[in-house]
Amino acid sequence: MGFWDHVEALRGVLLRSAGVLVVLMAAYFAVMPRLFDSVILAPCRADFMLYGILDALGAPSGEAMQDINLVNINLTSQFLIHMSASFWLAVVTAFPIVIYLLWGFVSPGLYESEKRGAPVAFGAGVVMFFAGAATGYFLVFPLTLRFLADYRLSDLIPNYISIDSYMDTFLMLVFVMGLVFELPVVTWLLGKAGIMDRTLFDRYRRHAIVGLLVLSAVVTPTGDPFTLSVVFVPLYLLWEVSAFTVPKPVTTIQQELT
């Protein structure tokens, strides 16, 4: 294939990807009001799954939990959020399809040795992203929401939470957690390329524990150890899984053999 043949093939991939995105966005736009009430706004309700589990496990909750009411203060916000939420959900859903189409374009130009780890990395990356997004939705965002909604700088200042700020925080935490959960895949690829080994994780494990504890303390709404551990344990396990995916240094392997 010549240069323009490659350009034409890439154009076809981009058009198919855009078509998938448009179709999914239209589908989400049609069902968004129902999806918004039952899924996106679910953490605002006192009967959300996580709150019931924490209550059943005896986690301290302070005052009786109430529903969080949102307000709209901009004329165009609800329409724009309808559009943007449909778009971002379509992007997340279409992500594996788009990567698959791009892989079909790139793979003919790679050697067999370069292709060997790609399916594993692709599958693991997709699974870990959705696992991270689910952790953000079911765990991190609800705890953060309750903390920020109940926080008072002064009793004279009531909290009126706008739908814009709610959606900004919702999308940020869900997507950030999805990206954070890609850490094991990234470290595995760096290990395969010989850029990283397990020495880095062994050297900075104590620093990571302190950093993750601080991050968990910021996210969790109360200072009790139980709620803190609900966030800390998954993040620390993610660190250890990332350490396991990279190879040991050569000197360590030689010492074990001897």
C-alpha atoms as a PDB file:
ATOM      1  CA  MET A   1       0.000   0.000   0.000  1.00  0.00           C
ATOM      2  CA  GLY A   2       1.184   3.495  -0.838  1.00  0.00           C
ATOM      3  CA  PHE A   3       0.932   6.569   1.384  1.00  0.00           C
ATOM      4  CA  TRP A   4      -2.470   7.671   0.101  1.00  0.00           C
ATOM      5  CA  ASP A   5      -3.772   4.111   0.435  1.00  0.00           C
ATOM      6  CA  HIS A   6      -2.851   4.237   4.118  1.00  0.00           C
ATOM      7  CA  VAL A   7      -4.527   7.629   4.460  1.00  0.00           C
ATOM      8  CA  GLU A   8      -7.678   6.249   2.879  1.00  0.00           C
ATOM      9  CA  ALA A   9      -7.639   3.239   5.204  1.00  0.00           C
ATOM     10  CA  LEU A  10      -7.195   5.509   8.231  1.00  0.00           C
ATOM     11  CA  ARG A  11     -10.029   7.700   6.983  1.00  0.00           C
ATOM     12  CA  GLY A  12     -12.282   4.641   6.854  1.00  0.00           C
ATOM     13  CA  VAL A  13     -11.345   3.702  10.433  1.00  0.00           C
ATOM     14  CA  LEU A  14     -12.051   7.228  11.681  1.00  0.00           C
ATOM     15  CA  LEU A  15     -15.396   7.378   9.864  1.00  0.00           C
ATOM     16  CA  ARG A  16     -16.484   4.022  11.289  1.00  0.00           C
ATOM     17  CA  SER A  17     -15.402   5.122  14.763  1.00  0.00           C
ATOM     18  CA  ALA A  18     -17.315   8.385  14.420  1.00  0.00           C
ATOM     19  CA  GLY A  19     -20.353   6.453  13.190  1.00  0.00           C
ATOM     20  CA  VAL A  20     -20.270   4.163  16.230  1.00  0.00           C
ATOM     21  CA  LEU A  21     -19.935   7.194  18.503  1.00  0.00           C
ATOM     22  CA  VAL A  22     -22.852   9.032  16.884  1.00  0.00           C
ATOM     23  CA  VAL A  23     -25.131   5.990  17.065  1.00  0.00           C
ATOM     24  CA  LEU A  24     -24.330   5.384  20.734  1.00  0.00           C
ATOM     25  CA  MET A  25     -24.707   9.084  21.560  1.00  0.00           C
ATOM     26  CA  ALA A  26     -28.143   9.163  19.916  1.00  0.00           C
ATOM     27  CA  ALA A  27     -29.183   6.057  21.864  1.00  0.00           C
ATOM     28  CA  TYR A  28     -27.997   7.519  25.159  1.00  0.00           C
ATOM     29  CA  PHE A  29     -29.671  10.854  24.379  1.00  0.00           C
ATOM     30  CA  ALA A  30     -32.988   9.053  23.917  1.00  0.00           C
ATOM     31  CA  VAL A  31     -32.814   7.240  27.254  1.00  0.00           C
ATOM     32  CA  MET A  32     -30.884   9.888  29.204  1.00  0.00           C
ATOM     33  CA  PRO A  33     -33.794  11.198  31.353  1.00  0.00           C
ATOM     34  CA  ARG A  34     -34.457   7.691  32.695  1.00  0.00           C
ATOM     35  CA  LEU A  35     -30.738   6.919  32.944  1.00  0.00           C
ATOM     36  CA  PHE A  36     -30.115  10.187  34.752  1.00  0.00           C
ATOM     37  CA  ASP A  37     -32.730   9.488  37.399  1.00  0.00           C
ATOM     38  CA  SER A  38     -31.887   5.827  37.987  1.00  0.00           C
ATOM     39  CA  VAL A  39     -28.072   5.825  37.626  1.00  0.00           C
ATOM     40  CA  ILE A  40     -26.359   9.222  37.597  1.00  0.00           C
ATOM     41  CA  LEU A  41     -28.439  10.723  40.416  1.00  0.00           C
ATOM     42  CA  ALA A  42     -28.609   7.484  42.435  1.00  0.00           C
ATOM     43  CA  PRO A  43     -25.775   8.516  44.837  1.00  0.00           C
ATOM     44  CA  CYS A  44     -27.917  11.509  45.861  1.00  0.00           C
ATOM     45  CA  ARG A  45     -30.522   9.226  47.411  1.00  0.00           C
ATOM     46  CA  ALA A  46     -30.237   7.907  50.953  1.00  0.00           C
ATOM     47  CA  ASP A  47     -31.090   4.362  49.772  1.00  0.00           C
ATOM     48  CA  PHE A  48     -28.017   4.079  47.493  1.00  0.00           C
ATOM     49  CA  MET A  49     -26.400   0.641  47.682  1.00  0.00           C
ATOM     50  CA  LEU A  50     -23.139   1.735  49.329  1.00  0.00           C
ATOM     51  CA  TYR A  51     -24.874   3.579  52.181  1.00  0.00           C
ATOM     52  CA  GLY A  52     -26.955   0.508  53.011  1.00  0.00           C
ATOM     53  CA  ILE A  53     -23.862  -1.724  53.018  1.00  0.00           C
ATOM     54  CA  LEU A  54     -21.920   0.653  55.287  1.00  0.00           C
ATOM     55  CA  ASP A  55     -24.883   0.910  57.632  1.00  0.00           C
ATOM     56  CA  ALA A  56     -25.262  -2.898  57.750  1.00  0.00           C
ATOM     57  CA  LEU A  57     -21.556  -3.251  58.555  1.00  0.00           C
ATOM     58  CA  GLY A  58     -21.894  -0.786  61.403  1.00  0.00           C
ATOM     59  CA  ALA A  59     -19.911   2.092  59.929  1.00  0.00           C
ATOM     60  CA  PRO A  60     -20.434   5.371  61.827  1.00  0.00           C
ATOM     61  CA  SER A  61     -22.805   7.629  59.881  1.00  0.00           C
ATOM     62  CA  GLY A  62     -23.481  10.512  62.228  1.00  0.00           C
ATOM     63  CA  GLU A  63     -26.819  12.148  61.540  1.00  0.00           C
ATOM     64  CA  ALA A  64     -29.544  10.313  59.689  1.00  0.00           C
ATOM     65  CA  MET A  65     -28.723  10.333  55.997  1.00  0.00           C
ATOM     66  CA  GLN A  66     -30.981  12.477  53.837  1.00  0.00           C
ATOM     67  CA  ASP A  67     -31.478  12.793  50.095  1.00  0.00           C
ATOM     68  CA  ILE A  68     -29.317  15.430  48.407  1.00  0.00           C
ATOM     69  CA  ASN A  69     -31.299  17.884  46.291  1.00  0.00           C
ATOM     70  CA  LEU A  70     -29.698  19.569  43.289  1.00  0.00           C
ATOM     71  CA  VAL A  71     -30.599  22.922  41.764  1.00  0.00           C
ATOM     72  CA  ASN A  72     -30.167  24.429  38.316  1.00  0.00           C
ATOM     73  CA  ILE A  73     -29.018  28.055  38.150  1.00  0.00           C
ATOM     74  CA  ASN A  74     -28.195  28.398  34.436  1.00  0.00           C
ATOM     75  CA  LEU A  75     -30.821  28.491  31.708  1.00  0.00           C
ATOM     76  CA  THR A  76     -28.951  26.201  29.315  1.00  0.00           C
ATOM     77  CA  SER A  77     -27.374  23.824  31.853  1.00  0.00           C
ATOM     78  CA  GLN A  78     -29.911  21.018  31.699  1.00  0.00           C
ATOM     79  CA  PHE A  79     -29.846  20.831  27.888  1.00  0.00           C
ATOM     80  CA  LEU A  80     -26.035  21.023  27.733  1.00  0.00           C
ATOM     81  CA  ILE A  81     -25.686  18.351  30.427  1.00  0.00           C
ATOM     82  CA  HIS A  82     -28.139  16.166  28.497  1.00  0.00           C
ATOM     83  CA  MET A  83     -25.834  16.470  25.475  1.00  0.00           C
ATOM     84  CA  SER A  84     -22.508  16.156  27.309  1.00  0.00           C
ATOM     85  CA  ALA A  85     -23.581  13.178  29.435  1.00  0.00           C
ATOM     86  CA  SER A  86     -24.766  11.372  26.296  1.00  0.00           C
ATOM     87  CA  PHE A  87     -21.462  12.137  24.589  1.00  0.00           C
ATOM     88  CA  TRP A  88     -19.194  10.970  27.427  1.00  0.00           C
ATOM     89  CA  LEU A  89     -21.166   7.788  28.009  1.00  0.00           C
ATOM     90  CA  ALA A  90     -20.920   7.096  24.278  1.00  0.00           C
ATOM     91  CA  VAL A  91     -17.144   7.698  24.397  1.00  0.00           C
ATOM     92  CA  VAL A  92     -16.715   5.232  27.263  1.00  0.00           C
ATOM     93  CA  THR A  93     -18.901   2.597  25.628  1.00  0.00           C
ATOM     94  CA  ALA A  94     -17.297   3.028  22.203  1.00  0.00           C
ATOM     95  CA  PHE A  95     -13.738   3.015  23.551  1.00  0.00           C
ATOM     96  CA  PRO A  96     -13.121  -0.756  23.118  1.00  0.00           C
ATOM     97  CA  ILE A  97     -14.640  -0.681  19.620  1.00  0.00           C
ATOM     98  CA  VAL A  98     -12.529   2.296  18.535  1.00  0.00           C
ATOM     99  CA  ILE A  99      -9.342   0.690  19.886  1.00  0.00           C
ATOM    100  CA  TYR A 100     -10.206  -2.529  18.042  1.00  0.00           C
ATOM    101  CA  LEU A 101     -10.699  -0.635  14.765  1.00  0.00           C
ATOM    102  CA  LEU A 102      -7.412   1.239  15.225  1.00  0.00           C
ATOM    103  CA  TRP A 103      -5.649  -2.033  16.009  1.00  0.00           C
ATOM    104  CA  GLY A 104      -6.942  -3.467  12.743  1.00  0.00           C
ATOM    105  CA  PHE A 105      -5.318  -0.534  10.949  1.00  0.00           C
ATOM    106  CA  VAL A 106      -1.975  -0.687  12.796  1.00  0.00           C
ATOM    107  CA  SER A 107      -1.431  -4.440  13.208  1.00  0.00           C
ATOM    108  CA  PRO A 108      -0.534  -5.301   9.571  1.00  0.00           C
ATOM    109  CA  GLY A 109       2.576  -3.139   9.921  1.00  0.00           C
ATOM    110  CA  LEU A 110       3.886  -4.865  13.054  1.00  0.00           C
ATOM    111  CA  TYR A 111       6.117  -7.907  13.515  1.00  0.00           C
ATOM    112  CA  GLU A 112       4.725 -11.019  15.159  1.00  0.00           C
ATOM    113  CA  SER A 113       6.785 -10.376  18.291  1.00  0.00           C
ATOM    114  CA  GLU A 114       5.251  -6.890  18.553  1.00  0.00           C
ATOM    115  CA  LYS A 115       1.719  -8.238  18.178  1.00  0.00           C
ATOM    116  CA  ARG A 116       2.112 -10.973  20.774  1.00  0.00           C
ATOM    117  CA  GLY A 117       1.272  -8.977  23.916  1.00  0.00           C
ATOM    118  CA  ALA A 118      -1.231  -6.607  22.327  1.00  0.00           C
ATOM    119  CA  PRO A 119      -4.426  -8.689  22.796  1.00  0.00           C
ATOM    120  CA  VAL A 120      -3.611  -9.248  26.474  1.00  0.00           C
ATOM    121  CA  ALA A 121      -2.866  -5.557  27.017  1.00  0.00           C
ATOM    122  CA  PHE A 122      -6.040  -4.558  25.156  1.00  0.00           C
ATOM    123  CA  GLY A 123      -8.300  -6.921  27.083  1.00  0.00           C
ATOM    124  CA  ALA A 124      -6.735  -6.108  30.438  1.00  0.00           C
ATOM    125  CA  GLY A 125      -6.856  -2.376  29.717  1.00  0.00           C
ATOM    126  CA  VAL A 126     -10.572  -2.459  28.905  1.00  0.00           C
ATOM    127  CA  VAL A 127     -11.414  -4.591  31.953  1.00  0.00           C
ATOM    128  CA  MET A 128      -9.330  -2.451  34.310  1.00  0.00           C
ATOM    129  CA  PHE A 129     -10.779   0.819  32.978  1.00  0.00           C
ATOM    130  CA  PHE A 130     -14.346  -0.310  33.553  1.00  0.00           C
ATOM    131  CA  ALA A 131     -13.398  -1.765  36.953  1.00  0.00           C
ATOM    132  CA  GLY A 132     -11.910   1.601  37.919  1.00  0.00           C
ATOM    133  CA  ALA A 133     -14.944   3.494  36.639  1.00  0.00           C
ATOM    134  CA  ALA A 134     -17.207   1.178  38.646  1.00  0.00           C
ATOM    135  CA  THR A 135     -15.077   1.767  41.760  1.00  0.00           C
ATOM    136  CA  GLY A 136     -15.375   5.501  41.203  1.00  0.00           C
ATOM    137  CA  TYR A 137     -19.145   5.292  40.783  1.00  0.00           C
ATOM    138  CA  PHE A 138     -20.014   2.845  43.566  1.00  0.00           C
ATOM    139  CA  LEU A 139     -17.374   3.844  46.129  1.00  0.00           C
ATOM    140  CA  VAL A 140     -15.289   6.982  45.678  1.00  0.00           C
ATOM    141  CA  PHE A 141     -17.882   9.399  44.284  1.00  0.00           C
ATOM    142  CA  PRO A 142     -20.671   8.627  46.810  1.00  0.00           C
ATOM    143  CA  LEU A 143     -18.293   9.079  49.760  1.00  0.00           C
ATOM    144  CA  THR A 144     -16.901  12.296  48.286  1.00  0.00           C
ATOM    145  CA  LEU A 145     -20.400  13.574  47.549  1.00  0.00           C
ATOM    146  CA  ARG A 146     -21.609  12.983  51.099  1.00  0.00           C
ATOM    147  CA  PHE A 147     -18.550  14.641  52.581  1.00  0.00           C
ATOM    148  CA  LEU A 148     -18.751  17.754  50.408  1.00  0.00           C
ATOM    149  CA  ALA A 149     -22.537  18.050  50.644  1.00  0.00           C
ATOM    150  CA  ASP A 150     -22.453  17.932  54.457  1.00  0.00           C
ATOM    151  CA  TYR A 151     -19.350  20.099  54.881  1.00  0.00           C
ATOM    152  CA  ARG A 152     -20.032  23.522  56.438  1.00  0.00           C
ATOM    153  CA  LEU A 153     -17.543  26.366  56.648  1.00  0.00           C
ATOM    154  CA  SER A 154     -20.194  28.189  58.691  1.00  0.00           C
ATOM    155  CA  ASP A 155     -23.706  27.258  59.821  1.00  0.00           C
ATOM    156  CA  LEU A 156     -24.836  30.552  58.289  1.00  0.00           C
ATOM    157  CA  ILE A 157     -23.943  29.299  54.789  1.00  0.00           C
ATOM    158  CA  PRO A 158     -26.333  26.630  53.472  1.00  0.00           C
ATOM    159  CA  ASN A 159     -25.226  24.325  50.670  1.00  0.00           C
ATOM    160  CA  TYR A 160     -27.113  24.566  47.383  1.00  0.00           C
ATOM    161  CA  ILE A 161     -25.488  22.107  44.986  1.00  0.00           C
ATOM    162  CA  SER A 162     -25.846  22.946  41.318  1.00  0.00           C
ATOM    163  CA  ILE A 163     -26.268  20.274  38.691  1.00  0.00           C
ATOM    164  CA  ASP A 164     -23.174  21.649  36.898  1.00  0.00           C
ATOM    165  CA  SER A 165     -20.868  21.150  39.891  1.00  0.00           C
ATOM    166  CA  TYR A 166     -22.399  17.723  40.561  1.00  0.00           C
ATOM    167  CA  MET A 167     -21.737  16.529  37.013  1.00  0.00           C
ATOM    168  CA  ASP A 168     -18.206  17.995  36.931  1.00  0.00           C
ATOM    169  CA  THR A 169     -17.283  16.074  40.093  1.00  0.00           C
ATOM    170  CA  PHE A 170     -19.113  12.929  38.959  1.00  0.00           C
ATOM    171  CA  LEU A 171     -17.385  12.731  35.573  1.00  0.00           C
ATOM    172  CA  MET A 172     -13.979  13.696  36.978  1.00  0.00           C
ATOM    173  CA  LEU A 173     -13.920  11.028  39.702  1.00  0.00           C
ATOM    174  CA  VAL A 174     -15.374   8.245  37.558  1.00  0.00           C
ATOM    175  CA  PHE A 175     -12.963   8.882  34.676  1.00  0.00           C
ATOM    176  CA  VAL A 176      -9.961   9.479  36.938  1.00  0.00           C
ATOM    177  CA  MET A 177     -10.561   6.190  38.740  1.00  0.00           C
ATOM    178  CA  GLY A 178     -10.868   4.461  35.376  1.00  0.00           C
ATOM    179  CA  LEU A 179      -7.474   5.867  34.376  1.00  0.00           C
ATOM    180  CA  VAL A 180      -5.900   5.059  37.760  1.00  0.00           C
ATOM    181  CA  PHE A 181      -6.893   1.414  37.352  1.00  0.00           C
ATOM    182  CA  GLU A 182      -4.862   1.320  34.131  1.00  0.00           C
ATOM    183  CA  LEU A 183      -1.698   1.428  36.262  1.00  0.00           C
ATOM    184  CA  PRO A 184      -1.110  -2.370  36.234  1.00  0.00           C
ATOM    185  CA  VAL A 185      -1.421  -2.460  32.441  1.00  0.00           C
ATOM    186  CA  VAL A 186       0.971   0.470  32.025  1.00  0.00           C
ATOM    187  CA  THR A 187       3.541  -1.038  34.398  1.00  0.00           C
ATOM    188  CA  TRP A 188       3.248  -4.421  32.639  1.00  0.00           C
ATOM    189  CA  LEU A 189       3.977  -2.789  29.270  1.00  0.00           C
ATOM    190  CA  LEU A 190       6.903  -0.835  30.748  1.00  0.00           C
ATOM    191  CA  GLY A 191       8.215  -4.041  32.292  1.00  0.00           C
ATOM    192  CA  LYS A 192       7.945  -5.896  28.964  1.00  0.00           C
ATOM    193  CA  ALA A 193       9.881  -3.052  27.331  1.00  0.00           C
ATOM    194  CA  GLY A 194      12.627  -3.292  29.968  1.00  0.00           C
ATOM    195  CA  ILE A 195      12.010   0.253  31.228  1.00  0.00           C
ATOM    196  CA  MET A 196      10.816  -0.688  34.730  1.00  0.00           C
ATOM    197  CA  ASP A 197      11.403  -3.468  37.254  1.00  0.00           C
ATOM    198  CA  ARG A 198      10.109  -4.246  40.750  1.00  0.00           C
ATOM    199  CA  THR A 199      12.877  -2.247  42.457  1.00  0.00           C
ATOM    200  CA  LEU A 200      10.886   0.961  42.042  1.00  0.00           C
ATOM    201  CA  PHE A 201       7.876  -0.462  43.891  1.00  0.00           C
ATOM    202  CA  ASP A 202      10.005  -1.959  46.660  1.00  0.00           C
ATOM    203  CA  ARG A 203      11.840   1.312  47.186  1.00  0.00           C
ATOM    204  CA  TYR A 204       8.745   3.535  47.343  1.00  0.00           C
ATOM    205  CA  ARG A 205       6.237   1.174  49.018  1.00  0.00           C
ATOM    206  CA  ARG A 206       6.244   3.090  52.320  1.00  0.00           C
ATOM    207  CA  HIS A 207       5.838   6.385  50.477  1.00  0.00           C
ATOM    208  CA  ALA A 208       2.931   4.909  48.539  1.00  0.00           C
ATOM    209  CA  ILE A 209       1.216   3.699  51.720  1.00  0.00           C
ATOM    210  CA  VAL A 210       1.431   7.159  53.280  1.00  0.00           C
ATOM    211  CA  GLY A 211       0.265   8.854  50.087  1.00  0.00           C
ATOM    212  CA  LEU A 212      -2.671   6.477  49.648  1.00  0.00           C
ATOM    213  CA  LEU A 213      -3.680   6.925  53.291  1.00  0.00           C
ATOM    214  CA  VAL A 214      -3.691  10.706  52.834  1.00  0.00           C
ATOM    215  CA  LEU A 215      -5.694  10.396  49.618  1.00  0.00           C
ATOM    216  CA  SER A 216      -8.188   8.043  51.296  1.00  0.00           C
ATOM    217  CA  ALA A 217      -8.546  10.413  54.253  1.00  0.00           C
ATOM    218  CA  VAL A 218      -9.341  13.277  51.875  1.00  0.00           C
ATOM    219  CA  VAL A 219     -11.924  11.239  49.981  1.00  0.00           C
ATOM    220  CA  THR A 220     -13.727   9.617  52.908  1.00  0.00           C
ATOM    221  CA  PRO A 221     -16.432  11.642  54.700  1.00  0.00           C
ATOM    222  CA  THR A 222     -15.559  10.512  58.247  1.00  0.00           C
ATOM    223  CA  GLY A 223     -12.355   9.903  60.140  1.00  0.00           C
ATOM    224  CA  ASP A 224     -13.197   6.404  61.353  1.00  0.00           C
ATOM    225  CA  PRO A 225     -10.781   3.613  60.357  1.00  0.00           C
ATOM    226  CA  PHE A 226     -13.501   1.460  58.767  1.00  0.00           C
ATOM    227  CA  THR A 227     -14.598   4.005  56.163  1.00  0.00           C
ATOM    228  CA  LEU A 228     -10.969   4.959  55.557  1.00  0.00           C
ATOM    229  CA  SER A 229     -10.073   1.343  54.831  1.00  0.00           C
ATOM    230  CA  VAL A 230     -12.963   1.014  52.344  1.00  0.00           C
ATOM    231  CA  VAL A 231     -11.092   3.391  50.024  1.00  0.00           C
ATOM    232  CA  PHE A 232      -7.502   2.617  51.054  1.00  0.00           C
ATOM    233  CA  VAL A 233      -7.569  -1.173  50.604  1.00  0.00           C
ATOM    234  CA  PRO A 234      -8.594  -1.192  46.892  1.00  0.00           C
ATOM    235  CA  LEU A 235      -6.017   1.485  46.060  1.00  0.00           C
ATOM    236  CA  TYR A 236      -3.237  -0.339  47.908  1.00  0.00           C
ATOM    237  CA  LEU A 237      -4.147  -3.651  46.262  1.00  0.00           C
ATOM    238  CA  LEU A 238      -3.920  -1.864  42.915  1.00  0.00           C
ATOM    239  CA  TRP A 239      -0.374  -0.780  43.831  1.00  0.00           C
ATOM    240  CA  GLU A 240       0.617  -4.339  44.740  1.00  0.00           C
ATOM    241  CA  VAL A 241      -0.929  -5.771  41.574  1.00  0.00           C
ATOM    242  CA  SER A 242       1.067  -3.217  39.573  1.00  0.00           C
ATOM    243  CA  ALA A 243       4.246  -4.321  41.376  1.00  0.00           C
ATOM    244  CA  PHE A 244       3.467  -7.971  40.586  1.00  0.00           C
ATOM    245  CA  THR A 245       3.108  -7.276  36.843  1.00  0.00           C
ATOM    246  CA  VAL A 246       6.695  -6.031  36.435  1.00  0.00           C
ATOM    247  CA  PRO A 247       9.698  -8.400  36.511  1.00  0.00           C
ATOM    248  CA  LYS A 248      12.162  -8.650  39.351  1.00  0.00           C
ATOM    249  CA  PRO A 249      15.623  -7.115  38.796  1.00  0.00           C
ATOM    250  CA  VAL A 250      18.220  -9.467  37.375  1.00  0.00           C
ATOM    251  CA  THR A 251      20.354  -9.377  40.551  1.00  0.00           C
ATOM    252  CA  THR A 252      17.397 -10.511  42.675  1.00  0.00           C
ATOM    253  CA  ILE A 253      16.675 -13.428  40.345  1.00  0.00           C
ATOM    254  CA  GLN A 254      20.340 -14.512  40.478  1.00  0.00           C
ATOM    255  CA  GLN A 255      20.358 -14.384  44.287  1.00  0.00           C
ATOM    256  CA  GLU A 256      17.223 -16.550  44.444  1.00  0.00           C
ATOM    257  CA  LEU A 257      18.768 -19.098  42.082  1.00  0.00           C
ATOM    258  CA  THR A 258      21.924 -19.314  44.170  1.00  0.00           C
END
